[in-house]
Protein backbone atom coordinates (compact mmCIF):
# COMPACT_ATOMS: atom_id res chain seq x y z
CA UNK A 1 157.62 54.86 171.55
CA UNK A 2 156.40 54.56 175.13
CA UNK A 3 157.23 57.41 177.49
CA UNK A 4 159.90 56.73 180.08
CA UNK A 5 159.08 56.18 183.72
CA UNK A 6 160.85 59.45 184.60
CA UNK A 7 157.99 61.65 183.41
CA UNK A 8 156.98 64.22 186.08
CA UNK A 9 154.20 63.21 188.47
CA UNK A 10 151.51 65.17 190.29
CA UNK A 11 153.66 64.78 193.41
CA UNK A 12 156.49 66.63 191.63
CA UNK A 13 154.08 69.43 190.70
CA UNK A 14 152.77 69.62 194.27
CA UNK A 15 156.31 69.82 195.62
CA UNK A 16 157.34 72.53 193.14
CA UNK A 17 154.22 74.59 193.87
CA UNK A 18 154.33 74.03 197.63
CA UNK A 19 150.81 72.58 197.78
CA UNK A 20 149.16 69.21 198.38
CA UNK A 21 148.56 66.63 195.62
CA UNK A 22 144.84 67.11 196.23
CA UNK A 23 145.21 70.79 195.32
CA UNK A 24 147.09 69.85 192.15
CA UNK A 25 144.28 67.44 191.21
CA UNK A 26 141.64 70.13 191.79
CA UNK A 27 143.47 72.76 189.74
CA UNK A 28 144.42 70.55 186.80
CA UNK A 29 140.94 68.99 186.81
CA UNK A 30 139.50 72.53 186.65
CA UNK A 31 137.55 72.00 189.89
CA UNK A 32 139.50 74.43 192.08
CA UNK A 33 137.12 77.42 192.19
CA UNK A 34 135.84 77.97 195.70
CA UNK A 35 138.34 75.42 197.05
CA UNK A 36 141.75 77.01 196.47
CA UNK A 37 142.76 80.59 195.74
CA UNK A 38 143.44 82.01 192.28
CA UNK A 39 147.05 82.61 193.35
CA UNK A 40 147.47 78.97 194.35
CA UNK A 41 145.85 77.77 191.13
CA UNK A 42 148.22 79.89 189.04
CA UNK A 43 151.19 78.58 191.03
CA UNK A 44 150.14 75.00 190.28
CA UNK A 45 149.62 75.71 186.58
CA UNK A 46 153.02 77.42 186.37
CA UNK A 47 154.75 74.48 188.08
CA UNK A 48 153.03 72.01 185.73
CA UNK A 49 154.13 73.99 182.69
CA UNK A 50 157.71 74.30 183.92
CA UNK A 51 157.96 70.58 184.61
CA UNK A 52 156.22 69.56 181.37
CA UNK A 53 153.66 67.63 183.41
CA UNK A 54 150.73 65.95 181.66
CA UNK A 55 148.01 64.41 183.83
CA UNK A 56 147.68 60.63 183.63
CA UNK A 57 144.32 60.91 181.95
CA UNK A 58 144.41 57.25 181.00
CA UNK A 59 144.34 56.06 184.61
CA UNK A 60 141.79 58.68 185.59
CA UNK A 61 139.49 57.72 182.73
CA UNK A 62 139.54 54.07 183.76
CA UNK A 63 138.80 54.98 187.38
CA UNK A 64 135.88 57.17 186.42
CA UNK A 65 134.44 54.68 183.91
CA UNK A 66 134.29 57.25 181.14
CA UNK A 67 132.41 57.05 177.85
CA UNK A 68 134.63 54.26 176.44
CA UNK A 69 134.86 56.21 173.21
CA UNK A 70 137.98 56.97 171.18
CA UNK A 71 138.49 59.38 168.31
CA UNK A 72 140.19 58.36 165.06
CA UNK A 73 141.61 61.48 163.37
CA UNK A 74 142.49 61.04 159.69
CA UNK A 75 143.05 63.28 156.66
CA UNK A 76 140.11 63.95 154.39
CA UNK A 77 138.60 60.62 153.33
CA UNK A 78 139.93 60.66 149.78
CA UNK A 79 140.75 56.94 149.51
CA UNK A 80 139.44 53.72 150.97
CA UNK A 81 142.70 53.26 152.90
CA UNK A 82 141.45 55.20 155.92
CA UNK A 83 138.11 53.42 155.73
CA UNK A 84 140.11 50.21 156.21
CA UNK A 85 141.99 51.74 159.14
CA UNK A 86 138.64 52.64 160.73
CA UNK A 87 137.24 49.14 160.14
CA UNK A 88 140.21 47.50 161.85
CA UNK A 89 140.23 49.93 164.77
CA UNK A 90 136.47 49.64 165.31
CA UNK A 91 136.65 45.82 165.29
CA UNK A 92 139.22 45.71 168.11
CA UNK A 93 137.47 48.52 169.98
CA UNK A 94 134.14 46.65 169.91
CA UNK A 95 135.79 43.53 171.35
CA UNK A 96 136.78 45.65 174.37
CA UNK A 97 133.52 47.56 174.75
CA UNK A 98 134.75 50.77 173.11
CA UNK A 99 133.26 52.80 170.27
CA UNK A 100 135.25 54.70 167.62
CA UNK A 101 134.25 58.12 166.27
CA UNK A 102 135.81 59.03 162.91
CA UNK A 103 137.01 62.63 162.57
CA UNK A 104 138.25 63.65 159.11
CA UNK A 105 140.35 66.82 158.85
CA UNK A 106 139.54 68.21 155.39
CA UNK A 107 142.66 68.95 153.35
CA UNK A 108 143.16 72.55 152.32
CA UNK A 109 140.55 74.14 154.58
CA UNK A 110 142.03 73.39 158.00
CA UNK A 111 140.59 71.19 160.71
CA UNK A 112 136.83 70.78 160.87
CA UNK A 113 134.89 72.25 163.77
CA UNK A 114 135.36 70.42 167.05
CA UNK A 115 132.70 67.65 167.06
CA UNK A 116 132.55 67.82 170.86
CA UNK A 117 132.08 70.80 173.16
CA UNK A 118 135.14 69.47 174.95
CA UNK A 119 137.01 66.53 173.47
CA UNK A 120 138.60 65.84 176.84
CA UNK A 121 135.22 65.52 178.50
CA UNK A 122 133.80 63.17 175.90
CA UNK A 123 136.70 60.90 174.94
CA UNK A 124 138.97 58.32 176.50
CA UNK A 125 141.75 58.55 173.91
CA UNK A 126 142.77 59.45 170.37
CA UNK A 127 144.26 57.62 167.39
CA UNK A 128 145.64 60.05 164.82
CA UNK A 129 147.35 59.88 161.45
CA UNK A 130 150.42 62.12 161.17
CA UNK A 131 148.85 63.65 158.06
CA UNK A 132 146.02 64.99 160.24
CA UNK A 133 148.17 66.10 163.18
CA UNK A 134 147.21 69.77 162.75
CA UNK A 135 143.66 68.91 163.77
CA UNK A 136 144.79 67.61 167.15
CA UNK A 137 145.49 70.98 168.72
CA UNK A 138 142.19 72.34 167.43
CA UNK A 139 140.24 69.67 169.32
CA UNK A 140 142.72 69.49 172.22
CA UNK A 141 143.23 65.85 171.29
CA UNK A 142 146.95 66.14 172.02
CA UNK A 143 146.04 66.47 175.71
CA UNK A 144 144.40 63.04 175.79
CA UNK A 145 145.98 59.55 175.77
CA UNK A 146 147.22 59.55 172.18
CA UNK A 147 148.65 57.03 169.73
CA UNK A 148 150.05 58.34 166.45
CA UNK A 149 149.74 56.34 163.23
CA UNK A 150 152.23 56.64 160.35
CA UNK A 151 154.37 59.01 162.37
CA UNK A 152 158.01 59.63 163.27
CA UNK A 153 158.74 57.49 166.36
CA UNK A 154 161.47 59.94 167.42
CA UNK A 155 159.28 63.04 167.32
CA UNK A 156 155.74 61.90 167.95
CA UNK A 157 153.18 63.81 169.99
CA UNK A 158 151.78 60.55 171.28
CA UNK A 159 152.54 58.06 173.99
CA UNK A 160 153.27 55.51 171.24
CA UNK A 161 153.51 55.23 167.46
CA UNK A 162 152.28 52.51 165.10
CA UNK A 163 153.80 52.31 161.62
CA UNK A 164 153.64 50.26 158.47
CA UNK A 165 157.12 49.41 157.20
CA UNK A 166 156.91 51.99 154.42
CA UNK A 167 160.69 52.21 154.14
CA UNK A 168 160.90 48.51 153.30
CA UNK A 169 158.07 48.90 150.79
CA UNK A 170 160.04 51.55 148.94
CA UNK A 171 163.14 49.39 149.07
CA UNK A 172 161.16 46.55 147.47
CA UNK A 173 159.98 48.89 144.68
CA UNK A 174 163.51 50.20 144.04
CA UNK A 175 165.05 46.73 144.02
CA UNK A 176 162.36 45.48 141.61
CA UNK A 177 163.00 48.32 139.14
CA UNK A 178 166.77 48.03 139.43
CA UNK A 179 166.60 44.28 138.77
CA UNK A 180 164.59 44.99 135.62
CA UNK A 181 167.36 47.31 134.44
CA UNK A 182 165.85 50.74 135.13
CA UNK A 183 168.35 53.50 135.86
CA UNK A 184 166.39 56.70 135.10
CA UNK A 185 163.46 57.16 137.50
CA UNK A 186 160.86 59.87 138.01
CA UNK A 187 159.60 60.06 141.60
CA UNK A 188 156.02 61.37 141.54
CA UNK A 189 155.95 62.59 145.15
CA UNK A 190 152.89 63.54 147.17
CA UNK A 191 152.97 67.27 147.86
CA UNK A 192 151.99 66.78 151.51
CA UNK A 193 154.26 67.77 154.43
CA UNK A 194 154.30 64.48 156.32
CA UNK A 195 156.84 62.09 157.81
CA UNK A 196 155.51 59.17 155.80
CA UNK A 197 156.18 60.92 152.48
CA UNK A 198 159.59 62.18 153.63
CA UNK A 199 160.54 58.56 154.39
CA UNK A 200 159.50 57.48 150.88
CA UNK A 201 161.68 60.12 149.24
CA UNK A 202 164.66 59.38 151.50
CA UNK A 203 164.57 55.60 151.01
CA UNK A 204 164.10 55.84 147.24
CA UNK A 205 167.02 58.25 146.88
CA UNK A 206 169.27 56.07 149.06
CA UNK A 207 168.39 52.79 147.36
CA UNK A 208 168.78 54.11 143.82
CA UNK A 209 171.80 56.23 144.73
CA UNK A 210 173.67 53.13 145.89
CA UNK A 211 173.75 51.85 142.28
CA UNK A 212 176.15 53.61 139.89
CA UNK A 213 174.62 55.24 136.84
CA UNK A 214 171.16 55.87 138.30
CA UNK A 215 169.35 59.17 137.94
CA UNK A 216 166.29 60.26 139.91
CA UNK A 217 164.08 63.27 139.22
CA UNK A 218 161.31 64.42 141.55
CA UNK A 219 157.97 65.93 140.56
CA UNK A 220 155.55 66.96 143.33
CA UNK A 221 151.79 66.70 143.01
CA UNK A 222 148.75 67.00 145.25
CA UNK A 223 147.17 63.60 145.91
CA UNK A 224 144.67 63.84 143.08
CA UNK A 225 144.45 62.34 139.61
CA UNK A 226 144.41 65.74 137.89
CA UNK A 227 147.36 66.96 139.96
CA UNK A 228 149.37 63.85 139.13
CA UNK A 229 148.48 64.13 135.44
CA UNK A 230 149.77 67.72 135.23
CA UNK A 231 152.95 67.01 137.22
CA UNK A 232 153.80 63.91 135.17
CA UNK A 233 153.18 65.62 131.84
CA UNK A 234 155.38 68.57 132.85
CA UNK A 235 158.19 66.33 134.09
CA UNK A 236 158.24 64.07 131.04
CA UNK A 237 158.23 66.90 128.50
CA UNK A 238 161.21 68.61 130.17
CA UNK A 239 164.57 68.56 128.32
CA UNK A 240 166.91 65.62 128.84
CA UNK A 241 166.68 61.82 128.64
CA UNK A 242 163.23 60.52 129.50
CA UNK A 243 162.88 58.42 132.67
CA UNK A 244 162.11 54.75 132.05
CA UNK A 245 160.06 54.33 135.24
CA UNK A 246 157.71 56.44 137.37
CA UNK A 247 157.59 55.67 141.11
CA UNK A 248 154.40 57.08 142.62
CA UNK A 249 153.84 57.78 146.32
CA UNK A 250 150.36 56.25 146.11
CA UNK A 251 147.98 54.54 143.70
CA UNK A 252 145.90 57.65 143.03
CA UNK A 253 149.01 59.45 141.81
CA UNK A 254 149.77 56.42 139.63
CA UNK A 255 146.32 56.66 138.01
CA UNK A 256 147.03 60.30 137.14
CA UNK A 257 150.41 59.30 135.74
CA UNK A 258 148.68 56.70 133.52
CA UNK A 259 146.50 59.43 131.98
CA UNK A 260 149.50 61.68 131.36
CA UNK A 261 151.50 58.88 129.71
CA UNK A 262 148.64 57.99 127.39
CA UNK A 263 148.27 61.66 126.40
CA UNK A 264 151.97 61.66 125.54
CA UNK A 265 151.54 58.53 123.42
CA UNK A 266 153.60 56.34 125.75
CA UNK A 267 152.73 52.69 126.39
CA UNK A 268 152.84 51.09 129.83
CA UNK A 269 155.08 49.14 130.42
CA UNK A 270 156.63 48.96 126.92
CA UNK A 271 157.85 52.57 126.92
CA UNK A 272 157.74 53.34 130.62
CA UNK A 273 157.04 51.42 133.84
CA UNK A 274 154.85 52.71 136.68
CA UNK A 275 154.61 51.70 140.35
CA UNK A 276 152.23 52.76 143.12
CA UNK A 277 151.85 52.31 146.86
CA UNK A 278 148.74 51.24 148.84
CA UNK A 279 147.16 48.53 146.66
CA UNK A 280 143.77 50.21 146.57
CA UNK A 281 140.90 48.78 144.51
CA UNK A 282 142.02 51.29 141.87
CA UNK A 283 145.25 49.30 141.32
CA UNK A 284 143.42 46.47 139.56
CA UNK A 285 140.83 48.72 137.89
CA UNK A 286 143.38 50.43 135.64
CA UNK A 287 144.98 48.77 132.62
CA UNK A 288 147.56 47.36 132.80
CA UNK A 289 147.06 46.44 136.45
CA UNK A 290 149.41 48.34 138.73
CA UNK A 291 152.57 47.04 140.38
CA UNK A 292 152.25 48.44 143.89
CA UNK A 293 153.00 47.90 147.57
CA UNK A 294 150.19 46.30 149.54
CA UNK A 295 149.45 48.04 152.84
CA UNK A 296 147.09 46.17 155.16
CA UNK A 297 144.91 49.09 156.29
CA UNK A 298 142.66 46.98 158.53
CA UNK A 299 145.62 45.39 160.32
CA UNK A 300 147.06 48.90 160.73
CA UNK A 301 143.82 50.05 162.40
CA UNK A 302 143.71 46.93 164.58
CA UNK A 303 147.30 47.43 165.77
CA UNK A 304 146.64 51.11 166.42
CA UNK A 305 143.62 50.35 168.61
CA UNK A 306 145.45 47.56 170.45
CA UNK A 307 148.25 50.02 171.19
CA UNK A 308 145.85 52.68 172.48
CA UNK A 309 144.19 50.11 174.75
CA UNK A 310 147.63 49.21 176.13
CA UNK A 311 148.32 52.90 176.81
CA UNK A 312 144.96 53.29 178.56
CA UNK A 313 145.66 50.27 180.72
CA UNK A 314 149.24 51.31 181.53
CA UNK A 315 150.76 48.37 179.63
CA UNK A 316 153.79 48.46 177.32
CA UNK A 317 152.46 48.30 173.73
CA UNK A 318 153.78 45.71 171.27
CA UNK A 319 156.54 47.15 169.10
CA UNK A 320 157.70 46.59 165.53
CA UNK A 321 156.50 47.92 162.20
CA UNK A 322 153.80 46.10 160.23
CA UNK A 323 155.29 44.28 157.20
CA UNK A 324 154.28 45.33 153.67
CA UNK A 325 154.62 43.49 150.37
CA UNK A 326 155.31 44.42 146.75
CA UNK A 327 152.65 43.05 144.39
CA UNK A 328 154.08 42.78 140.86
CA UNK A 329 151.54 43.22 138.07
CA UNK A 330 151.56 44.35 134.46
CA UNK A 331 152.76 47.95 134.80
CA UNK A 332 156.46 47.14 135.11
CA UNK A 333 158.88 45.53 132.64
CA UNK A 334 162.49 45.97 131.51
CA UNK A 335 163.09 49.37 129.89
CA UNK A 336 162.59 49.58 126.15
CA UNK A 337 165.05 50.96 123.58
CA UNK A 338 166.38 54.38 124.59
CA UNK A 339 164.83 57.42 122.89
């Protein structure tokens, strides 16, 4: 979501601090020493904080002809999805004379060491996945022109957000399973605190909850095959009627669910159906091939880079989520006889 035109300006800061705009520029550009007093510098910084002022780094970068380099911040590279995002972003960047540096934030061990002595000095802007948002403050990337990917439009750190229509993807999965006759569903949810996974849980609960007689259980798992295997096995050996379908937050979780179901002697889809989300290469490598939601990672990266370029140039980015599509394969069928 683009910022409104009412954001505070350097003139507002100058007025609040009782100094010239030139002094504001010197202080906020960290070039004030020997030109203005420490007292004046602190007054400017205080006024900027009080007003919530952020320098228009985008315009300044273009004026100064900076490095024409952007940073793509993603979670640890555990699937080819983010490789696709990088490919799409780099393609559009190259067409406009920009380079893209990939910065993975390893899961579980915190953000990696800042790859630049000062990100602000070396970069023109940042593209960041919401799942890697914690890394932004470590590299001061949230102080640069920033576009957030897969992120809550209402609460984003960035000047704009770019999203796949994940909510519609989940609706397509739920409608497919309901049409087949499934009423007892296990949601194998990614154990990652992120807007994109919250949306999946919310949409699935709402879509299934709108149909009388449905029951949904949730099992959380780290995004790993072993984690999904353990979570699925535990959920399906719990007391009560067994779910007839497992809805997985991504294809890697689905692969772990496949292993758990086979260990339990259950056939896919005869005894239980399974769905994924992503349509990774993995989806057609497992047997039966996985019913999943196809996300166009390269298009996602392209749209993200196009949006960042619009922000850098002071243009209004194109809006609208990127459509996704359910791909029905052999892992889903009507539920078998109840057990």
